[in-house]
N, C-alpha and C. Protein backbone atom coordinates (compact mmCIF):
# COMPACT_ATOMS: atom_id res chain seq x y z
N MET A 1 -47.66 -54.21 -57.94
CA MET A 1 -47.09 -52.58 -57.41
C MET A 1 -48.04 -52.03 -57.26
N LEU A 2 -49.24 -51.60 -56.15
CA LEU A 2 -50.30 -51.49 -56.14
C LEU A 2 -50.11 -49.50 -55.26
N PHE A 3 -51.45 -48.85 -56.16
CA PHE A 3 -51.71 -47.42 -55.88
C PHE A 3 -53.01 -47.78 -55.13
N GLN A 4 -52.92 -46.38 -54.02
CA GLN A 4 -54.73 -46.51 -53.83
C GLN A 4 -54.43 -44.76 -53.27
N ILE A 5 -56.12 -43.85 -53.91
CA ILE A 5 -55.45 -42.87 -53.81
C ILE A 5 -57.39 -42.10 -52.81
N GLY A 6 -56.81 -41.38 -51.97
CA GLY A 6 -58.05 -41.53 -51.35
C GLY A 6 -57.82 -40.15 -50.38
N GLU A 7 -58.73 -40.29 -49.48
CA GLU A 7 -58.41 -39.31 -47.77
C GLU A 7 -57.36 -41.09 -46.86
N ARG A 8 -56.40 -40.19 -46.57
CA ARG A 8 -55.39 -41.03 -45.47
C ARG A 8 -55.77 -41.60 -44.88
N GLU A 9 -56.14 -41.47 -44.13
CA GLU A 9 -56.84 -43.07 -43.30
C GLU A 9 -57.73 -43.91 -43.52
N ASP A 10 -58.29 -43.44 -44.87
CA ASP A 10 -58.90 -44.00 -46.12
C ASP A 10 -57.64 -45.01 -46.36
N VAL A 11 -57.53 -44.38 -47.09
CA VAL A 11 -56.32 -45.61 -47.33
C VAL A 11 -55.21 -45.96 -46.17
N VAL A 12 -54.66 -45.24 -45.21
CA VAL A 12 -54.01 -46.36 -44.13
C VAL A 12 -55.14 -48.30 -44.15
N LYS A 13 -56.38 -48.35 -43.59
CA LYS A 13 -57.62 -48.66 -42.81
C LYS A 13 -57.52 -49.63 -44.57
N TYR A 14 -57.76 -49.27 -45.52
CA TYR A 14 -57.83 -50.12 -46.05
C TYR A 14 -56.76 -50.97 -46.64
N LEU A 15 -55.29 -50.02 -46.77
CA LEU A 15 -54.69 -51.31 -47.16
C LEU A 15 -54.17 -52.32 -46.27
N GLY A 16 -54.04 -51.42 -44.86
CA GLY A 16 -53.67 -51.66 -43.70
C GLY A 16 -55.25 -54.12 -44.12
N MET A 17 -56.64 -53.50 -44.40
CA MET A 17 -56.62 -54.98 -44.30
C MET A 17 -56.41 -55.78 -45.85
N LEU A 18 -56.03 -54.91 -46.84
CA LEU A 18 -55.56 -55.64 -47.43
C LEU A 18 -53.88 -56.58 -47.01
N ARG A 19 -53.44 -55.86 -45.75
CA ARG A 19 -52.10 -56.79 -46.18
C ARG A 19 -52.12 -57.75 -45.05
N THR A 20 -53.73 -57.29 -43.69
CA THR A 20 -54.26 -58.68 -43.25
C THR A 20 -54.54 -59.53 -44.01
N LYS A 21 -55.45 -59.64 -45.03
CA LYS A 21 -55.92 -60.61 -45.63
C LYS A 21 -54.44 -61.43 -47.21
N LEU A 22 -53.96 -60.29 -46.96
CA LEU A 22 -53.06 -61.79 -47.98
C LEU A 22 -52.06 -62.38 -46.90
N LEU A 23 -51.08 -61.72 -45.75
CA LEU A 23 -50.30 -62.67 -45.21
C LEU A 23 -51.51 -63.57 -44.90
N GLN A 24 -52.26 -63.63 -44.32
CA GLN A 24 -53.47 -64.93 -44.56
C GLN A 24 -53.93 -65.91 -45.91
N ASP A 25 -54.55 -65.40 -46.59
CA ASP A 25 -54.62 -66.08 -48.08
C ASP A 25 -53.43 -67.08 -47.83
N PHE A 26 -51.86 -66.63 -48.13
CA PHE A 26 -50.61 -66.86 -48.63
C PHE A 26 -50.34 -67.82 -47.55
N ASN A 27 -50.50 -67.77 -46.16
CA ASN A 27 -50.12 -68.43 -45.67
C ASN A 27 -48.54 -68.36 -44.02
N VAL A 28 -48.20 -66.72 -44.57
CA VAL A 28 -46.83 -66.02 -44.16
C VAL A 28 -46.51 -66.74 -42.72
N LEU A 29 -47.69 -65.88 -41.99
CA LEU A 29 -48.02 -66.36 -40.67
C LEU A 29 -47.85 -67.73 -40.16
N LYS A 30 -47.93 -68.50 -41.13
CA LYS A 30 -48.60 -70.22 -40.08
C LYS A 30 -47.13 -70.74 -40.08
N GLY A 31 -47.24 -70.59 -38.83
CA GLY A 31 -46.26 -71.39 -37.32
C GLY A 31 -45.79 -69.97 -37.10
N LYS A 32 -45.47 -68.76 -37.01
CA LYS A 32 -44.90 -68.14 -36.50
C LYS A 32 -45.84 -67.22 -35.82
N GLU A 33 -47.21 -67.93 -35.86
CA GLU A 33 -48.38 -66.90 -34.07
C GLU A 33 -47.04 -67.11 -32.97
N ASN A 34 -46.64 -67.01 -32.44
CA ASN A 34 -46.53 -66.48 -30.91
C ASN A 34 -44.98 -65.83 -31.12
N GLU A 35 -44.35 -65.46 -32.33
CA GLU A 35 -43.18 -65.04 -32.63
C GLU A 35 -43.76 -63.65 -32.01
N VAL A 36 -42.13 -62.98 -31.89
CA VAL A 36 -42.44 -62.00 -31.35
C VAL A 36 -40.88 -61.02 -31.88
N SER A 37 -41.62 -59.41 -32.61
CA SER A 37 -40.79 -58.90 -33.20
C SER A 37 -40.64 -58.04 -32.62
N PHE A 38 -39.57 -56.87 -32.56
CA PHE A 38 -40.33 -55.34 -32.15
C PHE A 38 -39.05 -54.28 -32.97
N ALA A 39 -40.21 -53.20 -33.42
CA ALA A 39 -39.88 -51.80 -34.23
C ALA A 39 -39.42 -50.61 -33.13
N PHE A 40 -38.21 -50.31 -33.81
CA PHE A 40 -37.38 -48.97 -32.89
C PHE A 40 -38.88 -47.69 -34.42
N VAL A 41 -39.33 -46.51 -33.72
CA VAL A 41 -39.50 -45.50 -34.78
C VAL A 41 -38.74 -44.47 -33.85
N VAL A 42 -38.25 -43.82 -34.95
CA VAL A 42 -37.45 -42.67 -34.27
C VAL A 42 -37.99 -41.37 -35.33
N ASP A 43 -37.98 -40.14 -34.52
CA ASP A 43 -38.13 -39.00 -35.63
C ASP A 43 -39.18 -39.37 -36.35
N PHE A 44 -40.61 -40.56 -36.22
CA PHE A 44 -41.49 -40.12 -37.07
C PHE A 44 -42.73 -39.49 -36.69
N PRO A 45 -43.18 -39.20 -38.25
CA PRO A 45 -44.38 -38.40 -37.73
C PRO A 45 -45.66 -39.28 -37.37
N LEU A 46 -45.92 -39.40 -36.56
CA LEU A 46 -47.01 -40.26 -35.44
C LEU A 46 -48.33 -39.14 -35.15
N PHE A 47 -48.46 -38.04 -35.33
CA PHE A 47 -49.50 -37.00 -35.15
C PHE A 47 -49.94 -36.01 -36.08
N GLU A 48 -51.30 -35.34 -36.30
CA GLU A 48 -51.52 -34.58 -36.68
C GLU A 48 -52.42 -33.71 -36.47
N LEU A 49 -53.10 -32.90 -36.76
CA LEU A 49 -53.71 -31.30 -36.94
C LEU A 49 -55.65 -32.30 -36.83
N GLY A 50 -56.02 -31.59 -36.05
CA GLY A 50 -57.22 -32.15 -35.78
C GLY A 50 -58.38 -30.75 -36.48
N ASN A 51 -59.49 -31.21 -36.78
CA ASN A 51 -60.38 -30.08 -37.64
C ASN A 51 -60.31 -29.37 -36.31
N ASP A 52 -59.87 -29.18 -35.05
CA ASP A 52 -60.40 -28.43 -34.26
C ASP A 52 -59.54 -27.18 -33.77
N GLY A 53 -58.18 -28.27 -33.98
CA GLY A 53 -56.99 -27.55 -33.77
C GLY A 53 -56.10 -28.11 -32.98
N SER A 54 -56.84 -28.70 -32.21
CA SER A 54 -55.99 -30.34 -31.13
C SER A 54 -55.49 -30.63 -31.71
N LEU A 55 -54.38 -31.60 -31.30
CA LEU A 55 -53.50 -32.25 -31.60
C LEU A 55 -53.32 -33.24 -31.24
N GLY A 56 -53.47 -34.47 -32.42
CA GLY A 56 -53.92 -35.83 -31.92
C GLY A 56 -52.88 -36.89 -32.45
N ALA A 57 -52.34 -38.46 -31.66
CA ALA A 57 -51.31 -39.35 -31.99
C ALA A 57 -51.56 -40.39 -32.85
N VAL A 58 -51.90 -40.82 -34.50
CA VAL A 58 -52.29 -40.56 -35.26
C VAL A 58 -51.68 -42.40 -35.15
N HIS A 59 -50.70 -42.63 -34.67
CA HIS A 59 -50.59 -44.20 -34.21
C HIS A 59 -51.34 -44.54 -33.76
N HIS A 60 -50.49 -44.83 -32.19
CA HIS A 60 -51.50 -44.95 -30.56
C HIS A 60 -51.68 -43.26 -29.36
N PRO A 61 -51.20 -43.89 -28.75
CA PRO A 61 -51.90 -42.55 -27.74
C PRO A 61 -50.57 -42.50 -27.04
N PHE A 62 -50.00 -43.20 -26.83
CA PHE A 62 -48.65 -42.95 -25.48
C PHE A 62 -47.23 -42.62 -27.32
N THR A 63 -47.43 -40.93 -27.20
CA THR A 63 -46.62 -41.32 -27.68
C THR A 63 -46.46 -39.14 -27.66
N LYS A 64 -45.31 -39.17 -27.91
CA LYS A 64 -45.65 -37.13 -27.16
C LYS A 64 -44.39 -36.61 -28.10
N PRO A 65 -45.15 -35.31 -29.01
CA PRO A 65 -43.53 -34.57 -29.19
C PRO A 65 -42.65 -33.79 -28.47
N LYS A 66 -41.55 -34.50 -29.52
CA LYS A 66 -39.62 -33.98 -29.22
C LYS A 66 -40.99 -32.30 -28.45
N ASP A 67 -40.23 -31.72 -27.06
CA ASP A 67 -40.81 -30.43 -26.42
C ASP A 67 -40.31 -29.73 -27.40
N GLU A 68 -38.64 -30.02 -27.78
CA GLU A 68 -38.13 -28.60 -29.12
C GLU A 68 -39.42 -28.19 -29.84
N ASP A 69 -40.34 -29.22 -30.53
CA ASP A 69 -40.24 -29.17 -31.47
C ASP A 69 -42.38 -29.36 -31.73
N ILE A 70 -42.77 -28.59 -30.12
CA ILE A 70 -44.34 -28.38 -29.81
C ILE A 70 -44.93 -27.04 -30.54
N PRO A 71 -43.53 -26.20 -30.67
CA PRO A 71 -43.88 -24.66 -30.80
C PRO A 71 -44.18 -25.06 -32.59
N PHE A 72 -43.19 -25.30 -33.22
CA PHE A 72 -43.42 -25.79 -34.37
C PHE A 72 -44.38 -26.53 -34.76
N VAL A 73 -45.45 -27.84 -34.14
CA VAL A 73 -46.56 -28.61 -35.01
C VAL A 73 -47.36 -27.42 -34.22
N LYS A 74 -47.34 -26.63 -33.52
CA LYS A 74 -48.56 -26.27 -32.72
C LYS A 74 -48.75 -24.29 -34.03
N ALA A 75 -47.09 -24.78 -34.45
CA ALA A 75 -47.87 -22.96 -35.64
C ALA A 75 -47.61 -23.66 -37.38
N LEU A 76 -47.03 -24.44 -37.65
CA LEU A 76 -47.49 -25.29 -39.27
C LEU A 76 -47.82 -26.23 -38.65
N GLY A 77 -48.76 -26.94 -37.87
CA GLY A 77 -49.67 -27.56 -38.10
C GLY A 77 -49.15 -29.68 -38.62
N LYS A 78 -50.05 -29.75 -39.83
CA LYS A 78 -50.23 -31.09 -40.00
C LYS A 78 -48.67 -30.86 -41.46
N LYS A 79 -48.29 -29.13 -41.62
CA LYS A 79 -47.33 -29.80 -43.21
C LYS A 79 -46.24 -30.11 -42.06
N LEU A 80 -45.55 -30.07 -40.73
CA LEU A 80 -44.73 -30.12 -40.51
C LEU A 80 -43.79 -32.02 -40.16
N ARG A 81 -42.71 -32.23 -41.24
CA ARG A 81 -42.88 -33.26 -41.30
C ARG A 81 -43.43 -34.43 -42.14
N GLU A 82 -44.62 -33.42 -43.26
CA GLU A 82 -44.69 -35.05 -43.97
C GLU A 82 -43.83 -34.67 -44.54
């Protein structure tokens, strides 16, 4: 079991680095370098409210909130779908 405490951005960054290191150290991906896998994320919180009040993509820039959620995102900011 592993716990990490800190700012969300730091936690995500360092746990991602740890995951990558463990995969390499234990040869989990050996022989699967050319394998392609797909995942579809539906209704996942991909946005956060910036310090200046603007809405930004957390995961990647090619996402958009559902049109019906835009008023809620503006009103509630980061509390929406946490």
